[in-house]
PDB file of N, CA and C in Angstrom:
ATOM      1  N   MET A   1      86.238  97.716 122.574  1.00  0.00           N
ATOM      2  CA  MET A   1      86.723  98.987 121.776  1.00  0.00           C
ATOM      3  C   MET A   1      86.331  98.641 120.273  1.00  0.00           C
ATOM      4  N   PRO A   2      85.562  99.582 119.493  1.00  0.00           N
ATOM      5  CA  PRO A   2      85.150  99.293 118.219  1.00  0.00           C
ATOM      6  C   PRO A   2      86.542  99.410 117.265  1.00  0.00           C
ATOM      7  N   SER A   3      86.593  98.549 116.308  1.00  0.00           N
ATOM      8  CA  SER A   3      87.706  98.775 115.303  1.00  0.00           C
ATOM      9  C   SER A   3      87.466 100.033 114.426  1.00  0.00           C
ATOM     10  N   PRO A   4      88.494 100.649 114.100  1.00  0.00           N
ATOM     11  CA  PRO A   4      88.510 101.834 113.157  1.00  0.00           C
ATOM     12  C   PRO A   4      87.829 101.461 111.936  1.00  0.00           C
ATOM     13  N   ASN A   5      87.219 102.523 111.375  1.00  0.00           N
ATOM     14  CA  ASN A   5      86.635 102.190 109.935  1.00  0.00           C
ATOM     15  C   ASN A   5      87.525 102.776 109.013  1.00  0.00           C
ATOM     16  N   PHE A   6      88.354 101.814 108.481  1.00  0.00           N
ATOM     17  CA  PHE A   6      89.458 102.126 107.535  1.00  0.00           C
ATOM     18  C   PHE A   6      88.789 102.486 106.205  1.00  0.00           C
ATOM     19  N   GLY A   7      87.496 102.272 105.928  1.00  0.00           N
ATOM     20  CA  GLY A   7      86.750 102.687 104.639  1.00  0.00           C
ATOM     21  C   GLY A   7      86.731 104.374 104.502  1.00  0.00           C
ATOM     22  N   GLU A   8      86.932 104.858 105.700  1.00  0.00           N
ATOM     23  CA  GLU A   8      86.995 106.266 105.784  1.00  0.00           C
ATOM     24  C   GLU A   8      88.379 106.930 105.814  1.00  0.00           C
ATOM     25  N   ARG A   9      89.313 106.310 104.936  1.00  0.00           N
ATOM     26  CA  ARG A   9      90.718 106.518 104.936  1.00  0.00           C
ATOM     27  C   ARG A   9      90.964 107.866 104.734  1.00  0.00           C
ATOM     28  N   SER A  10      90.307 108.741 103.974  1.00  0.00           N
ATOM     29  CA  SER A  10      90.634 109.892 103.708  1.00  0.00           C
ATOM     30  C   SER A  10      90.690 110.776 104.753  1.00  0.00           C
ATOM     31  N   ARG A  11      90.080 110.573 106.194  1.00  0.00           N
ATOM     32  CA  ARG A  11      90.142 111.287 107.113  1.00  0.00           C
ATOM     33  C   ARG A  11      91.369 111.057 107.940  1.00  0.00           C
ATOM     34  N   PHE A  12      92.256 110.011 107.456  1.00  0.00           N
ATOM     35  CA  PHE A  12      93.605 109.710 108.269  1.00  0.00           C
ATOM     36  C   PHE A  12      94.634 110.626 107.635  1.00  0.00           C
ATOM     37  N   PRO A  13      95.435 111.166 108.512  1.00  0.00           N
ATOM     38  CA  PRO A  13      96.583 112.119 108.321  1.00  0.00           C
ATOM     39  C   PRO A  13      97.601 111.618 107.258  1.00  0.00           C
ATOM     40  N   GLY A  14      97.855 110.191 107.142  1.00  0.00           N
ATOM     41  CA  GLY A  14      98.755 109.797 106.261  1.00  0.00           C
ATOM     42  C   GLY A  14      98.089 109.269 104.871  1.00  0.00           C
ATOM     43  N   HIS A  15      96.830 109.896 104.541  1.00  0.00           N
ATOM     44  CA  HIS A  15      96.186 109.417 103.381  1.00  0.00           C
ATOM     45  C   HIS A  15      97.067 109.640 102.094  1.00  0.00           C
ATOM     46  N   ASN A  16      97.477 108.632 101.621  1.00  0.00           N
ATOM     47  CA  ASN A  16      98.316 108.748 100.296  1.00  0.00           C
ATOM     48  C   ASN A  16      98.336 107.514  99.489  1.00  0.00           C
ATOM     49  N   GLY A  17      99.035 107.371  98.424  1.00  0.00           N
ATOM     50  CA  GLY A  17      99.114 106.263  97.622  1.00  0.00           C
ATOM     51  C   GLY A  17      99.683 105.053  98.196  1.00  0.00           C
ATOM     52  N   ALA A  18     100.591 105.172  98.922  1.00  0.00           N
ATOM     53  CA  ALA A  18     101.205 104.035  99.441  1.00  0.00           C
ATOM     54  C   ALA A  18     100.189 103.431 100.619  1.00  0.00           C
ATOM     55  N   PHE A  19      99.824 104.309 101.673  1.00  0.00           N
ATOM     56  CA  PHE A  19      98.555 103.899 102.419  1.00  0.00           C
ATOM     57  C   PHE A  19      97.574 103.329 101.693  1.00  0.00           C
ATOM     58  N   ASP A  20      97.072 103.811 100.883  1.00  0.00           N
ATOM     59  CA  ASP A  20      95.767 103.242 100.090  1.00  0.00           C
ATOM     60  C   ASP A  20      96.120 101.696  99.671  1.00  0.00           C
ATOM     61  N   SER A  21      97.341 101.814  98.924  1.00  0.00           N
ATOM     62  CA  SER A  21      97.552 100.469  98.271  1.00  0.00           C
ATOM     63  C   SER A  21      97.805  99.376  99.318  1.00  0.00           C
ATOM     64  N   ASN A  22      98.415  99.716 100.508  1.00  0.00           N
ATOM     65  CA  ASN A  22      98.673  98.764 101.442  1.00  0.00           C
ATOM     66  C   ASN A  22      97.297  98.225 102.015  1.00  0.00           C
ATOM     67  N   LEU A  23      96.511  99.219 102.170  1.00  0.00           N
ATOM     68  CA  LEU A  23      95.065  98.978 102.773  1.00  0.00           C
ATOM     69  C   LEU A  23      94.444  98.179 101.657  1.00  0.00           C
ATOM     70  N   GLY A  24      94.422  98.446 100.367  1.00  0.00           N
ATOM     71  CA  GLY A  24      93.808  97.781  99.509  1.00  0.00           C
ATOM     72  C   GLY A  24      94.231  96.278  99.390  1.00  0.00           C
ATOM     73  N   ASN A  25      95.582  96.272  99.522  1.00  0.00           N
ATOM     74  CA  ASN A  25      96.130  94.872  99.241  1.00  0.00           C
ATOM     75  C   ASN A  25      95.745  94.116 100.512  1.00  0.00           C
ATOM     76  N   ALA A  26      95.563  94.718 101.798  1.00  0.00           N
ATOM     77  CA  ALA A  26      95.254  93.911 103.054  1.00  0.00           C
ATOM     78  C   ALA A  26      93.711  93.422 102.773  1.00  0.00           C
ATOM     79  N   TYR A  27      92.932  94.530 102.227  1.00  0.00           N
ATOM     80  CA  TYR A  27      91.384  94.073 102.091  1.00  0.00           C
ATOM     81  C   TYR A  27      91.403  92.853 101.193  1.00  0.00           C
ATOM     82  N   ALA A  28      92.092  93.122  99.958  1.00  0.00           N
ATOM     83  CA  ALA A  28      92.055  91.921  99.028  1.00  0.00           C
ATOM     84  C   ALA A  28      92.507  90.695  99.456  1.00  0.00           C
ATOM     85  N   VAL A  29      93.683  90.538 100.201  1.00  0.00           N
ATOM     86  CA  VAL A  29      94.132  89.151 100.582  1.00  0.00           C
ATOM     87  C   VAL A  29      93.231  88.654 101.857  1.00  0.00           C
ATOM     88  N   SER A  30      92.552  89.693 102.376  1.00  0.00           N
ATOM     89  CA  SER A  30      91.463  89.106 103.657  1.00  0.00           C
ATOM     90  C   SER A  30      90.074  88.876 103.012  1.00  0.00           C
ATOM     91  N   GLY A  31      89.879  88.806 101.661  1.00  0.00           N
ATOM     92  CA  GLY A  31      88.764  88.540 101.123  1.00  0.00           C
ATOM     93  C   GLY A  31      87.672  89.665 100.825  1.00  0.00           C
ATOM     94  N   ARG A  32      88.142  90.848 101.172  1.00  0.00           N
ATOM     95  CA  ARG A  32      87.323  92.124 101.037  1.00  0.00           C
ATOM     96  C   ARG A  32      87.305  92.809  99.813  1.00  0.00           C
ATOM     97  N   ARG A  33      86.991  91.805  98.714  1.00  0.00           N
ATOM     98  CA  ARG A  33      87.217  92.256  97.314  1.00  0.00           C
ATOM     99  C   ARG A  33      86.541  93.625  96.888  1.00  0.00           C
ATOM    100  N   GLU A  34      85.429  93.854  97.287  1.00  0.00           N
ATOM    101  CA  GLU A  34      84.630  95.084  97.049  1.00  0.00           C
ATOM    102  C   GLU A  34      85.546  96.278  97.427  1.00  0.00           C
ATOM    103  N   GLU A  35      85.989  96.300  98.802  1.00  0.00           N
ATOM    104  CA  GLU A  35      86.786  97.448  99.481  1.00  0.00           C
ATOM    105  C   GLU A  35      88.022  97.690  98.587  1.00  0.00           C
ATOM    106  N   ALA A  36      88.642  96.563  98.165  1.00  0.00           N
ATOM    107  CA  ALA A  36      89.875  96.586  97.408  1.00  0.00           C
ATOM    108  C   ALA A  36      89.710  97.307  96.103  1.00  0.00           C
ATOM    109  N   ILE A  37      88.547  97.046  95.531  1.00  0.00           N
ATOM    110  CA  ILE A  37      88.271  97.515  94.206  1.00  0.00           C
ATOM    111  C   ILE A  37      87.899  98.867  94.278  1.00  0.00           C
ATOM    112  N   LYS A  38      87.288  99.303  95.277  1.00  0.00           N
ATOM    113  CA  LYS A  38      86.932 100.834  95.501  1.00  0.00           C
ATOM    114  C   LYS A  38      88.351 101.538  95.598  1.00  0.00           C
ATOM    115  N   ILE A  39      89.330 100.967  96.335  1.00  0.00           N
ATOM    116  CA  ILE A  39      90.577 101.682  96.447  1.00  0.00           C
ATOM    117  C   ILE A  39      91.309 101.889  95.211  1.00  0.00           C
ATOM    118  N   ILE A  40      91.254 100.657  94.389  1.00  0.00           N
ATOM    119  CA  ILE A  40      91.765 100.719  92.867  1.00  0.00           C
ATOM    120  C   ILE A  40      91.181 101.788  92.285  1.00  0.00           C
ATOM    121  N   LYS A  41      89.752 101.845  92.109  1.00  0.00           N
ATOM    122  CA  LYS A  41      89.080 103.078  91.601  1.00  0.00           C
ATOM    123  C   LYS A  41      89.545 104.418  91.869  1.00  0.00           C
ATOM    124  N   ASP A  42      89.785 104.447  93.328  1.00  0.00           N
ATOM    125  CA  ASP A  42      90.135 105.741  93.747  1.00  0.00           C
ATOM    126  C   ASP A  42      91.607 106.135  93.287  1.00  0.00           C
ATOM    127  N   LEU A  43      92.386 105.252  93.357  1.00  0.00           N
ATOM    128  CA  LEU A  43      93.826 105.410  92.868  1.00  0.00           C
ATOM    129  C   LEU A  43      93.897 105.765  91.491  1.00  0.00           C
ATOM    130  N   LYS A  44      93.110 105.251  90.592  1.00  0.00           N
ATOM    131  CA  LYS A  44      93.014 105.542  89.173  1.00  0.00           C
ATOM    132  C   LYS A  44      92.538 106.823  88.917  1.00  0.00           C
ATOM    133  N   SER A  45      91.625 107.353  89.815  1.00  0.00           N
ATOM    134  CA  SER A  45      91.038 108.718  89.561  1.00  0.00           C
ATOM    135  C   SER A  45      92.064 109.655  89.906  1.00  0.00           C
ATOM    136  N   ARG A  46      93.112 109.364  90.669  1.00  0.00           N
ATOM    137  CA  ARG A  46      94.084 110.380  90.930  1.00  0.00           C
ATOM    138  C   ARG A  46      95.154 110.100  90.303  1.00  0.00           C
ATOM    139  N   HIS A  47      95.307 109.151  89.293  1.00  0.00           N
ATOM    140  CA  HIS A  47      96.443 108.845  88.685  1.00  0.00           C
ATOM    141  C   HIS A  47      96.891 109.798  87.585  1.00  0.00           C
ATOM    142  N   ASP A  48      96.131 110.700  87.031  1.00  0.00           N
ATOM    143  CA  ASP A  48      96.512 111.785  86.184  1.00  0.00           C
ATOM    144  C   ASP A  48      97.277 112.849  86.986  1.00  0.00           C
ATOM    145  N   GLN A  49      97.038 112.997  88.154  1.00  0.00           N
ATOM    146  CA  GLN A  49      97.593 114.150  88.934  1.00  0.00           C
ATOM    147  C   GLN A  49      99.013 113.671  89.471  1.00  0.00           C
ATOM    148  N   ASN A  50      98.947 112.160  89.670  1.00  0.00           N
ATOM    149  CA  ASN A  50     100.118 111.557  90.243  1.00  0.00           C
ATOM    150  C   ASN A  50     100.426 110.121  89.584  1.00  0.00           C
ATOM    151  N   PRO A  51     101.123 110.316  88.462  1.00  0.00           N
ATOM    152  CA  PRO A  51     101.432 108.964  87.790  1.00  0.00           C
ATOM    153  C   PRO A  51     102.386 108.153  88.521  1.00  0.00           C
ATOM    154  N   SER A  52     102.819 108.473  89.589  1.00  0.00           N
ATOM    155  CA  SER A  52     103.740 107.405  90.460  1.00  0.00           C
ATOM    156  C   SER A  52     102.821 106.587  91.137  1.00  0.00           C
ATOM    157  N   LEU A  53     101.410 106.344  90.942  1.00  0.00           N
ATOM    158  CA  LEU A  53     100.560 105.543  91.550  1.00  0.00           C
ATOM    159  C   LEU A  53     100.428 104.195  90.764  1.00  0.00           C
ATOM    160  N   ASP A  54     101.146 103.994  89.837  1.00  0.00           N
ATOM    161  CA  ASP A  54     101.327 102.898  88.961  1.00  0.00           C
ATOM    162  C   ASP A  54     101.489 101.665  89.875  1.00  0.00           C
ATOM    163  N   ALA A  55     102.630 101.666  90.587  1.00  0.00           N
ATOM    164  CA  ALA A  55     103.138 100.611  91.443  1.00  0.00           C
ATOM    165  C   ALA A  55     102.093 100.364  92.478  1.00  0.00           C
ATOM    166  N   ASP A  56     101.270 101.403  93.137  1.00  0.00           N
ATOM    167  CA  ASP A  56     100.430 101.250  94.108  1.00  0.00           C
ATOM    168  C   ASP A  56      99.157 100.495  93.711  1.00  0.00           C
ATOM    169  N   ILE A  57      98.765 100.866  92.324  1.00  0.00           N
ATOM    170  CA  ILE A  57      97.613 100.159  91.877  1.00  0.00           C
ATOM    171  C   ILE A  57      98.085  98.823  91.715  1.00  0.00           C
ATOM    172  N   ALA A  58      99.181  98.438  91.151  1.00  0.00           N
ATOM    173  CA  ALA A  58      99.708  97.047  90.916  1.00  0.00           C
ATOM    174  C   ALA A  58      99.624  96.352  92.198  1.00  0.00           C
ATOM    175  N   LEU A  59     100.002  96.883  93.324  1.00  0.00           N
ATOM    176  CA  LEU A  59      99.851  96.213  94.479  1.00  0.00           C
ATOM    177  C   LEU A  59      98.613  95.663  94.984  1.00  0.00           C
ATOM    178  N   VAL A  60      97.481  96.546  94.835  1.00  0.00           N
ATOM    179  CA  VAL A  60      96.040  96.051  95.185  1.00  0.00           C
ATOM    180  C   VAL A  60      95.820  94.876  94.251  1.00  0.00           C
ATOM    181  N   TYR A  61      96.149  94.884  92.943  1.00  0.00           N
ATOM    182  CA  TYR A  61      95.819  93.767  91.905  1.00  0.00           C
ATOM    183  C   TYR A  61      96.613  92.470  92.324  1.00  0.00           C
ATOM    184  N   VAL A  62      97.702  92.775  93.076  1.00  0.00           N
ATOM    185  CA  VAL A  62      98.496  91.506  93.449  1.00  0.00           C
ATOM    186  C   VAL A  62      97.598  90.811  94.541  1.00  0.00           C
ATOM    187  N   GLY A  63      97.274  91.613  95.300  1.00  0.00           N
ATOM    188  CA  GLY A  63      96.169  91.133  96.478  1.00  0.00           C
ATOM    189  C   GLY A  63      95.047  90.470  95.944  1.00  0.00           C
ATOM    190  N   LEU A  64      94.490  90.772  95.004  1.00  0.00           N
ATOM    191  CA  LEU A  64      93.325  90.424  94.316  1.00  0.00           C
ATOM    192  C   LEU A  64      93.747  89.077  93.586  1.00  0.00           C
ATOM    193  N   GLY A  65      95.100  88.791  93.299  1.00  0.00           N
ATOM    194  CA  GLY A  65      95.423  87.687  92.549  1.00  0.00           C
ATOM    195  C   GLY A  65      95.354  87.890  91.004  1.00  0.00           C
ATOM    196  N   ASP A  66      95.319  89.092  90.674  1.00  0.00           N
ATOM    197  CA  ASP A  66      95.144  89.402  89.336  1.00  0.00           C
ATOM    198  C   ASP A  66      96.548  89.796  88.665  1.00  0.00           C
ATOM    199  N   GLN A  67      97.393  88.730  88.327  1.00  0.00           N
ATOM    200  CA  GLN A  67      98.609  89.014  87.941  1.00  0.00           C
ATOM    201  C   GLN A  67      98.943  89.636  86.607  1.00  0.00           C
ATOM    202  N   ASP A  68      97.977  89.521  85.737  1.00  0.00           N
ATOM    203  CA  ASP A  68      98.046  90.229  84.378  1.00  0.00           C
ATOM    204  C   ASP A  68      97.927  91.874  84.647  1.00  0.00           C
ATOM    205  N   GLN A  69      96.898  92.237  85.434  1.00  0.00           N
ATOM    206  CA  GLN A  69      96.843  93.662  85.808  1.00  0.00           C
ATOM    207  C   GLN A  69      98.011  94.210  86.496  1.00  0.00           C
ATOM    208  N   ALA A  70      98.245  93.449  87.495  1.00  0.00           N
ATOM    209  CA  ALA A  70      99.528  93.835  88.340  1.00  0.00           C
ATOM    210  C   ALA A  70     100.740  94.046  87.465  1.00  0.00           C
ATOM    211  N   ILE A  71     101.116  93.065  86.516  1.00  0.00           N
ATOM    212  CA  ILE A  71     102.195  93.216  85.668  1.00  0.00           C
ATOM    213  C   ILE A  71     102.121  94.504  84.826  1.00  0.00           C
ATOM    214  N   SER A  72     100.815  94.731  84.284  1.00  0.00           N
ATOM    215  CA  SER A  72     100.515  95.796  83.217  1.00  0.00           C
ATOM    216  C   SER A  72     100.731  97.108  84.113  1.00  0.00           C
ATOM    217  N   TRP A  73     100.336  97.379  85.394  1.00  0.00           N
ATOM    218  CA  TRP A  73     100.561  98.548  85.920  1.00  0.00           C
ATOM    219  C   TRP A  73     101.812  98.707  86.330  1.00  0.00           C
ATOM    220  N   LEU A  74     102.761  97.661  86.631  1.00  0.00           N
ATOM    221  CA  LEU A  74     104.080  97.659  87.001  1.00  0.00           C
ATOM    222  C   LEU A  74     104.921  98.260  85.822  1.00  0.00           C
ATOM    223  N   ASN A  75     104.554  97.796  84.724  1.00  0.00           N
ATOM    224  CA  ASN A  75     105.147  98.120  83.420  1.00  0.00           C
ATOM    225  C   ASN A  75     104.848  99.611  83.067  1.00  0.00           C
ATOM    226  N   LYS A  76     103.628 100.219  83.419  1.00  0.00           N
ATOM    227  CA  LYS A  76     103.312 101.567  83.233  1.00  0.00           C
ATOM    228  C   LYS A  76     104.238 102.254  84.247  1.00  0.00           C
ATOM    229  N   GLY A  77     104.418 101.798  85.352  1.00  0.00           N
ATOM    230  CA  GLY A  77     105.392 102.408  86.480  1.00  0.00           C
ATOM    231  C   GLY A  77     106.751 102.571  85.900  1.00  0.00           C
ATOM    232  N   TYR A  78     107.169 101.422  85.222  1.00  0.00           N
ATOM    233  CA  TYR A  78     108.501 101.366  84.707  1.00  0.00           C
ATOM    234  C   TYR A  78     108.673 102.348  83.662  1.00  0.00           C
ATOM    235  N   GLU A  79     107.641 102.580  82.727  1.00  0.00           N
ATOM    236  CA  GLU A  79     107.763 103.595  81.914  1.00  0.00           C
ATOM    237  C   GLU A  79     107.788 105.037  82.334  1.00  0.00           C
ATOM    238  N   ALA A  80     107.148 105.244  83.516  1.00  0.00           N
ATOM    239  CA  ALA A  80     107.097 106.439  84.099  1.00  0.00           C
ATOM    240  C   ALA A  80     108.294 106.604  85.027  1.00  0.00           C
ATOM    241  N   ARG A  81     109.057 105.764  84.982  1.00  0.00           N
ATOM    242  CA  ARG A  81     110.292 105.762  85.930  1.00  0.00           C
ATOM    243  C   ARG A  81     110.069 105.662  87.314  1.00  0.00           C
ATOM    244  N   PHE A  82     109.302 104.684  87.716  1.00  0.00           N
ATOM    245  CA  PHE A  82     108.830 104.388  89.183  1.00  0.00           C
ATOM    246  C   PHE A  82     110.304 104.006  89.901  1.00  0.00           C
ATOM    247  N   LYS A  83     110.083 104.150  91.221  1.00  0.00           N
ATOM    248  CA  LYS A  83     111.168 103.968  92.209  1.00  0.00           C
ATOM    249  C   LYS A  83     111.181 102.238  92.067  1.00  0.00           C
ATOM    250  N   ALA A  84     112.159 101.664  91.419  1.00  0.00           N
ATOM    251  CA  ALA A  84     112.264 100.225  91.274  1.00  0.00           C
ATOM    252  C   ALA A  84     112.332  99.432  92.485  1.00  0.00           C
ATOM    253  N   SER A  85     112.901 100.053  93.513  1.00  0.00           N
ATOM    254  CA  SER A  85     113.082  99.216  94.893  1.00  0.00           C
ATOM    255  C   SER A  85     111.614  98.855  95.386  1.00  0.00           C
ATOM    256  N   ILE A  86     110.783  99.317  94.845  1.00  0.00           N
ATOM    257  CA  ILE A  86     109.209  98.716  95.374  1.00  0.00           C
ATOM    258  C   ILE A  86     109.002  97.387  95.012  1.00  0.00           C
ATOM    259  N   LEU A  87     109.878  97.038  94.036  1.00  0.00           N
ATOM    260  CA  LEU A  87     109.644  95.487  93.484  1.00  0.00           C
ATOM    261  C   LEU A  87     110.133  94.659  94.552  1.00  0.00           C
ATOM    262  N   LEU A  88     110.990  95.074  95.457  1.00  0.00           N
ATOM    263  CA  LEU A  88     111.561  94.130  96.360  1.00  0.00           C
ATOM    264  C   LEU A  88     110.706  93.812  97.691  1.00  0.00           C
ATOM    265  N   ARG A  89     109.634  94.523  97.697  1.00  0.00           N
ATOM    266  CA  ARG A  89     108.698  94.280  98.815  1.00  0.00           C
ATOM    267  C   ARG A  89     107.994  92.981  98.694  1.00  0.00           C
ATOM    268  N   PRO A  90     107.858  92.304 100.068  1.00  0.00           N
ATOM    269  CA  PRO A  90     107.424  90.954 100.072  1.00  0.00           C
ATOM    270  C   PRO A  90     105.909  90.982  99.485  1.00  0.00           C
ATOM    271  N   ALA A  91     105.195  91.980  99.381  1.00  0.00           N
ATOM    272  CA  ALA A  91     103.878  91.894  98.806  1.00  0.00           C
ATOM    273  C   ALA A  91     103.818  91.535  97.407  1.00  0.00           C
ATOM    274  N   PHE A  92     105.035  91.814  96.716  1.00  0.00           N
ATOM    275  CA  PHE A  92     105.166  91.404  95.224  1.00  0.00           C
ATOM    276  C   PHE A  92     105.452  89.950  95.149  1.00  0.00           C
ATOM    277  N   ASP A  93     105.722  89.171  96.179  1.00  0.00           N
ATOM    278  CA  ASP A  93     106.083  87.717  96.165  1.00  0.00           C
ATOM    279  C   ASP A  93     105.396  86.725  95.303  1.00  0.00           C
ATOM    280  N   PRO A  94     104.073  87.106  95.242  1.00  0.00           N
ATOM    281  CA  PRO A  94     103.266  86.203  94.344  1.00  0.00           C
ATOM    282  C   PRO A  94     103.653  86.464  92.930  1.00  0.00           C
ATOM    283  N   LEU A  95     104.415  87.476  92.535  1.00  0.00           N
ATOM    284  CA  LEU A  95     104.610  87.575  91.151  1.00  0.00           C
ATOM    285  C   LEU A  95     105.932  87.170  90.744  1.00  0.00           C
ATOM    286  N   ARG A  96     106.851  86.691  91.726  1.00  0.00           N
ATOM    287  CA  ARG A  96     108.177  86.484  91.426  1.00  0.00           C
ATOM    288  C   ARG A  96     108.325  85.308  90.458  1.00  0.00           C
ATOM    289  N   SER A  97     107.394  84.291  90.378  1.00  0.00           N
ATOM    290  CA  SER A  97     107.607  83.113  89.473  1.00  0.00           C
ATOM    291  C   SER A  97     107.141  83.548  88.002  1.00  0.00           C
ATOM    292  N   ASP A  98     106.591  84.653  87.842  1.00  0.00           N
ATOM    293  CA  ASP A  98     105.993  85.131  86.509  1.00  0.00           C
ATOM    294  C   ASP A  98     107.127  85.576  85.710  1.00  0.00           C
ATOM    295  N   ALA A  99     107.321  85.112  84.556  1.00  0.00           N
ATOM    296  CA  ALA A  99     108.444  85.403  83.592  1.00  0.00           C
ATOM    297  C   ALA A  99     108.337  87.008  83.329  1.00  0.00           C
ATOM    298  N   ARG A 100     107.450  87.548  83.279  1.00  0.00           N
ATOM    299  CA  ARG A 100     107.082  89.076  82.904  1.00  0.00           C
ATOM    300  C   ARG A 100     107.788  89.905  84.203  1.00  0.00           C
ATOM    301  N   PHE A 101     107.387  89.392  85.343  1.00  0.00           N
ATOM    302  CA  PHE A 101     108.057  90.020  86.539  1.00  0.00           C
ATOM    303  C   PHE A 101     109.504  89.805  86.459  1.00  0.00           C
ATOM    304  N   LYS A 102     110.020  88.658  86.182  1.00  0.00           N
ATOM    305  CA  LYS A 102     111.476  88.490  86.240  1.00  0.00           C
ATOM    306  C   LYS A 102     112.116  89.359  84.999  1.00  0.00           C
ATOM    307  N   GLU A 103     111.450  89.306  83.975  1.00  0.00           N
ATOM    308  CA  GLU A 103     111.917  90.468  82.849  1.00  0.00           C
ATOM    309  C   GLU A 103     112.025  91.790  83.316  1.00  0.00           C
ATOM    310  N   LEU A 104     110.947  92.350  84.078  1.00  0.00           N
ATOM    311  CA  LEU A 104     110.863  93.695  84.657  1.00  0.00           C
ATOM    312  C   LEU A 104     111.933  93.832  85.565  1.00  0.00           C
ATOM    313  N   MET A 105     112.247  92.943  86.475  1.00  0.00           N
ATOM    314  CA  MET A 105     113.409  93.007  87.535  1.00  0.00           C
ATOM    315  C   MET A 105     114.724  93.138  86.825  1.00  0.00           C
ATOM    316  N   ARG A 106     114.874  92.254  85.731  1.00  0.00           N
ATOM    317  CA  ARG A 106     116.037  92.434  84.724  1.00  0.00           C
ATOM    318  C   ARG A 106     116.211  93.697  84.371  1.00  0.00           C
ATOM    319  N   ARG A 107     115.197  94.379  83.692  1.00  0.00           N
ATOM    320  CA  ARG A 107     115.112  95.793  82.999  1.00  0.00           C
ATOM    321  C   ARG A 107     115.667  96.869  83.929  1.00  0.00           C
ATOM    322  N   VAL A 108     115.338  96.726  85.185  1.00  0.00           N
ATOM    323  CA  VAL A 108     115.569  97.664  86.247  1.00  0.00           C
ATOM    324  C   VAL A 108     116.866  97.479  87.081  1.00  0.00           C
ATOM    325  N   GLY A 109     117.518  96.422  86.675  1.00  0.00           N
ATOM    326  CA  GLY A 109     118.777  95.949  87.298  1.00  0.00           C
ATOM    327  C   GLY A 109     118.742  95.360  88.425  1.00  0.00           C
ATOM    328  N   LEU A 110     117.714  94.743  89.013  1.00  0.00           N
ATOM    329  CA  LEU A 110     117.515  94.062  90.188  1.00  0.00           C
ATOM    330  C   LEU A 110     117.563  92.545  90.091  1.00  0.00           C
ATOM    331  N   PRO A 111     118.226  92.029  91.099  1.00  0.00           N
ATOM    332  CA  PRO A 111     118.291  90.360  90.847  1.00  0.00           C
ATOM    333  C   PRO A 111     116.858  89.895  90.936  1.00  0.00           C
ATOM    334  N   GLY A 112     116.628  88.984  90.069  1.00  0.00           N
ATOM    335  CA  GLY A 112     115.284  88.393  89.918  1.00  0.00           C
ATOM    336  C   GLY A 112     115.275  86.838  89.834  1.00  0.00           C
TER     337      GLY A 112
END
């Protein structure tokens, strides 16, 4: 049985920022960098209509290993009053030792 073509994600009923960011993160950590970057571009293109995509964009950058961009987008999310509990997700574990992430956790009142 052929595997599904997740590149055509817009055809899936759950197509949203969370779905896309998880897919982008999975692509990134599995070495499919170009697909992950395409998802980042798509999320950024929808950002004006949905500012809550900041943390979703950050998640893909975490998968790509770009901590600077991930922290930058998380800080944008903080300024837009994002749902801080997203920071507890294991996918953000690579950022936990970063002083900037610890400071963000402190600002939102989460243990860091």
